[in-house]
N, C-alpha and C. Protein backbone atom coordinates (compact mmCIF):
# COMPACT_ATOMS: atom_id res chain seq x y z
N MET A 1 8.14 -14.60 9.99
CA MET A 1 8.53 -14.98 8.65
C MET A 1 9.28 -16.31 8.73
N SER A 2 8.99 -17.19 7.82
CA SER A 2 9.64 -18.50 7.83
C SER A 2 11.10 -18.39 7.41
N THR A 3 11.86 -19.42 7.70
CA THR A 3 13.28 -19.40 7.38
C THR A 3 13.51 -19.41 5.87
N LYS A 4 12.64 -20.09 5.14
CA LYS A 4 12.77 -20.11 3.68
C LYS A 4 12.58 -18.71 3.11
N ALA A 5 11.60 -18.00 3.64
CA ALA A 5 11.33 -16.64 3.17
C ALA A 5 12.51 -15.72 3.49
N LYS A 6 13.10 -15.89 4.67
CA LYS A 6 14.25 -15.07 5.06
C LYS A 6 15.44 -15.36 4.15
N GLU A 7 15.66 -16.62 3.83
CA GLU A 7 16.76 -17.01 2.94
C GLU A 7 16.56 -16.42 1.55
N TYR A 8 15.33 -16.48 1.05
CA TYR A 8 15.02 -15.95 -0.27
C TYR A 8 15.25 -14.45 -0.31
N LYS A 9 14.80 -13.75 0.73
CA LYS A 9 14.95 -12.30 0.80
C LYS A 9 16.42 -11.91 0.85
N ALA A 10 17.21 -12.62 1.64
CA ALA A 10 18.63 -12.34 1.75
C ALA A 10 19.34 -12.59 0.42
N LYS A 11 18.94 -13.64 -0.26
CA LYS A 11 19.53 -13.97 -1.56
C LYS A 11 19.19 -12.91 -2.60
N ALA A 12 17.95 -12.42 -2.57
CA ALA A 12 17.51 -11.41 -3.53
C ALA A 12 18.25 -10.09 -3.31
N LEU A 13 18.54 -9.75 -2.07
CA LEU A 13 19.24 -8.50 -1.79
C LEU A 13 20.72 -8.57 -2.18
N LYS A 14 21.30 -9.75 -2.15
CA LYS A 14 22.71 -9.91 -2.47
C LYS A 14 22.96 -10.14 -3.96
N LYS A 15 21.90 -10.19 -4.76
CA LYS A 15 22.02 -10.46 -6.18
C LYS A 15 22.93 -9.42 -6.85
N LYS A 16 23.80 -9.87 -7.72
CA LYS A 16 24.68 -8.97 -8.45
C LYS A 16 23.85 -8.21 -9.48
N SER A 17 24.08 -6.90 -9.54
CA SER A 17 23.29 -6.08 -10.45
C SER A 17 23.67 -6.35 -11.90
N LYS A 18 22.72 -6.13 -12.77
CA LYS A 18 22.90 -6.37 -14.19
C LYS A 18 23.85 -5.33 -14.80
N TYR A 19 23.78 -4.10 -14.28
CA TYR A 19 24.58 -3.00 -14.80
C TYR A 19 25.57 -2.53 -13.74
N ALA A 20 26.79 -2.22 -14.17
CA ALA A 20 27.84 -1.84 -13.22
C ALA A 20 27.62 -0.45 -12.63
N THR A 21 27.03 0.48 -13.38
CA THR A 21 26.92 1.86 -12.91
C THR A 21 25.53 2.26 -12.45
N ARG A 22 24.54 1.43 -12.65
CA ARG A 22 23.17 1.78 -12.27
C ARG A 22 23.00 1.71 -10.75
N VAL A 23 22.35 2.74 -10.20
CA VAL A 23 22.11 2.79 -8.76
C VAL A 23 20.67 2.38 -8.49
N TYR A 24 20.48 1.44 -7.58
CA TYR A 24 19.14 1.00 -7.21
C TYR A 24 18.81 1.57 -5.83
N ASN A 25 17.72 2.30 -5.76
CA ASN A 25 17.27 2.83 -4.49
C ASN A 25 16.42 1.78 -3.79
N ARG A 26 16.90 1.31 -2.66
CA ARG A 26 16.17 0.31 -1.88
C ARG A 26 16.12 0.76 -0.43
N CYS A 27 15.07 0.36 0.22
CA CYS A 27 14.89 0.68 1.64
C CYS A 27 16.04 0.05 2.43
N GLU A 28 16.64 0.83 3.33
CA GLU A 28 17.75 0.32 4.14
C GLU A 28 17.28 -0.68 5.18
N LEU A 29 16.02 -0.62 5.56
CA LEU A 29 15.51 -1.50 6.61
C LEU A 29 14.98 -2.82 6.07
N CYS A 30 14.16 -2.76 5.00
CA CYS A 30 13.52 -3.99 4.54
C CYS A 30 13.92 -4.39 3.12
N GLY A 31 14.58 -3.51 2.37
CA GLY A 31 15.03 -3.84 1.02
C GLY A 31 14.00 -3.62 -0.06
N ARG A 32 12.87 -3.02 0.28
CA ARG A 32 11.80 -2.77 -0.68
C ARG A 32 12.27 -1.76 -1.73
N ALA A 33 11.93 -2.01 -3.01
CA ALA A 33 12.35 -1.13 -4.09
C ALA A 33 11.29 -0.09 -4.44
N ARG A 34 10.04 -0.40 -4.20
CA ARG A 34 8.97 0.54 -4.55
C ARG A 34 8.59 1.40 -3.34
N GLY A 35 8.12 2.61 -3.62
CA GLY A 35 7.69 3.50 -2.55
C GLY A 35 8.87 4.04 -1.75
N TYR A 36 10.01 4.24 -2.40
CA TYR A 36 11.24 4.68 -1.75
C TYR A 36 11.23 6.19 -1.58
N LEU A 37 11.53 6.67 -0.38
CA LEU A 37 11.62 8.11 -0.10
C LEU A 37 13.10 8.49 -0.05
N ARG A 38 13.56 9.24 -1.03
CA ARG A 38 14.98 9.57 -1.15
C ARG A 38 15.53 10.31 0.06
N HIS A 39 14.76 11.26 0.55
CA HIS A 39 15.23 12.11 1.65
C HIS A 39 15.56 11.29 2.90
N TYR A 40 14.82 10.24 3.13
CA TYR A 40 15.00 9.43 4.34
C TYR A 40 15.72 8.12 4.07
N GLY A 41 15.76 7.67 2.82
CA GLY A 41 16.46 6.43 2.48
C GLY A 41 15.71 5.17 2.86
N ILE A 42 14.40 5.31 3.10
CA ILE A 42 13.58 4.16 3.46
C ILE A 42 12.28 4.17 2.66
N CYS A 43 11.55 3.07 2.68
CA CYS A 43 10.30 2.98 1.94
C CYS A 43 9.16 3.62 2.73
N ARG A 44 8.04 3.82 2.09
CA ARG A 44 6.89 4.49 2.71
C ARG A 44 6.33 3.72 3.90
N ILE A 45 6.39 2.41 3.83
CA ILE A 45 5.84 1.58 4.90
C ILE A 45 6.70 1.70 6.16
N CYS A 46 8.01 1.59 5.99
CA CYS A 46 8.92 1.74 7.13
C CYS A 46 8.88 3.16 7.66
N PHE A 47 8.76 4.14 6.76
CA PHE A 47 8.66 5.54 7.17
C PHE A 47 7.45 5.75 8.06
N ARG A 48 6.31 5.22 7.66
CA ARG A 48 5.08 5.39 8.43
C ARG A 48 5.19 4.73 9.80
N LYS A 49 5.79 3.53 9.82
CA LYS A 49 5.95 2.81 11.08
C LYS A 49 6.86 3.58 12.04
N LEU A 50 8.01 4.06 11.53
CA LEU A 50 8.95 4.78 12.37
C LEU A 50 8.41 6.14 12.79
N ALA A 51 7.70 6.82 11.89
CA ALA A 51 7.13 8.13 12.21
C ALA A 51 6.06 8.01 13.28
N SER A 52 5.25 6.97 13.22
CA SER A 52 4.19 6.80 14.22
C SER A 52 4.77 6.46 15.60
N MET A 53 5.95 5.83 15.62
CA MET A 53 6.62 5.54 16.89
C MET A 53 7.44 6.73 17.39
N GLY A 54 7.58 7.78 16.53
CA GLY A 54 8.33 8.97 16.92
C GLY A 54 9.83 8.82 16.82
N GLU A 55 10.30 7.93 15.96
CA GLU A 55 11.73 7.68 15.84
C GLU A 55 12.40 8.49 14.74
N ILE A 56 11.63 9.25 13.96
CA ILE A 56 12.20 10.12 12.93
C ILE A 56 12.09 11.55 13.45
N PRO A 57 13.22 12.22 13.75
CA PRO A 57 13.17 13.55 14.32
C PRO A 57 12.52 14.56 13.38
N GLY A 58 11.65 15.40 13.93
CA GLY A 58 11.01 16.46 13.16
C GLY A 58 9.80 16.03 12.37
N VAL A 59 9.41 14.77 12.44
CA VAL A 59 8.26 14.27 11.70
C VAL A 59 7.15 13.93 12.68
N LYS A 60 5.97 14.50 12.43
CA LYS A 60 4.81 14.14 13.24
C LYS A 60 3.59 14.07 12.35
N LYS A 61 2.59 13.37 12.80
CA LYS A 61 1.37 13.20 12.04
C LYS A 61 0.64 14.54 11.93
N SER A 62 0.20 14.86 10.73
CA SER A 62 -0.50 16.13 10.54
C SER A 62 -1.97 15.99 10.93
N VAL A 63 -2.50 17.04 11.53
CA VAL A 63 -3.90 17.06 11.96
C VAL A 63 -4.49 18.39 11.53
N TRP A 64 -5.66 18.35 10.91
CA TRP A 64 -6.34 19.60 10.54
C TRP A 64 -7.81 19.48 10.71
């Protein structure tokens, strides 16, 4: 990722929220707002990556 993209992403994550009491669910790893899994606190993409590497305890790929 280029430095400009990293700067933009960091700036977007630090943006002051419009509402004082509203909670925004964002991925702890990448900051993605969509596809957020509440139970794990991360987005679906990061979840899939970590699960395939075996870094999430108790999660494995289902086979049938």
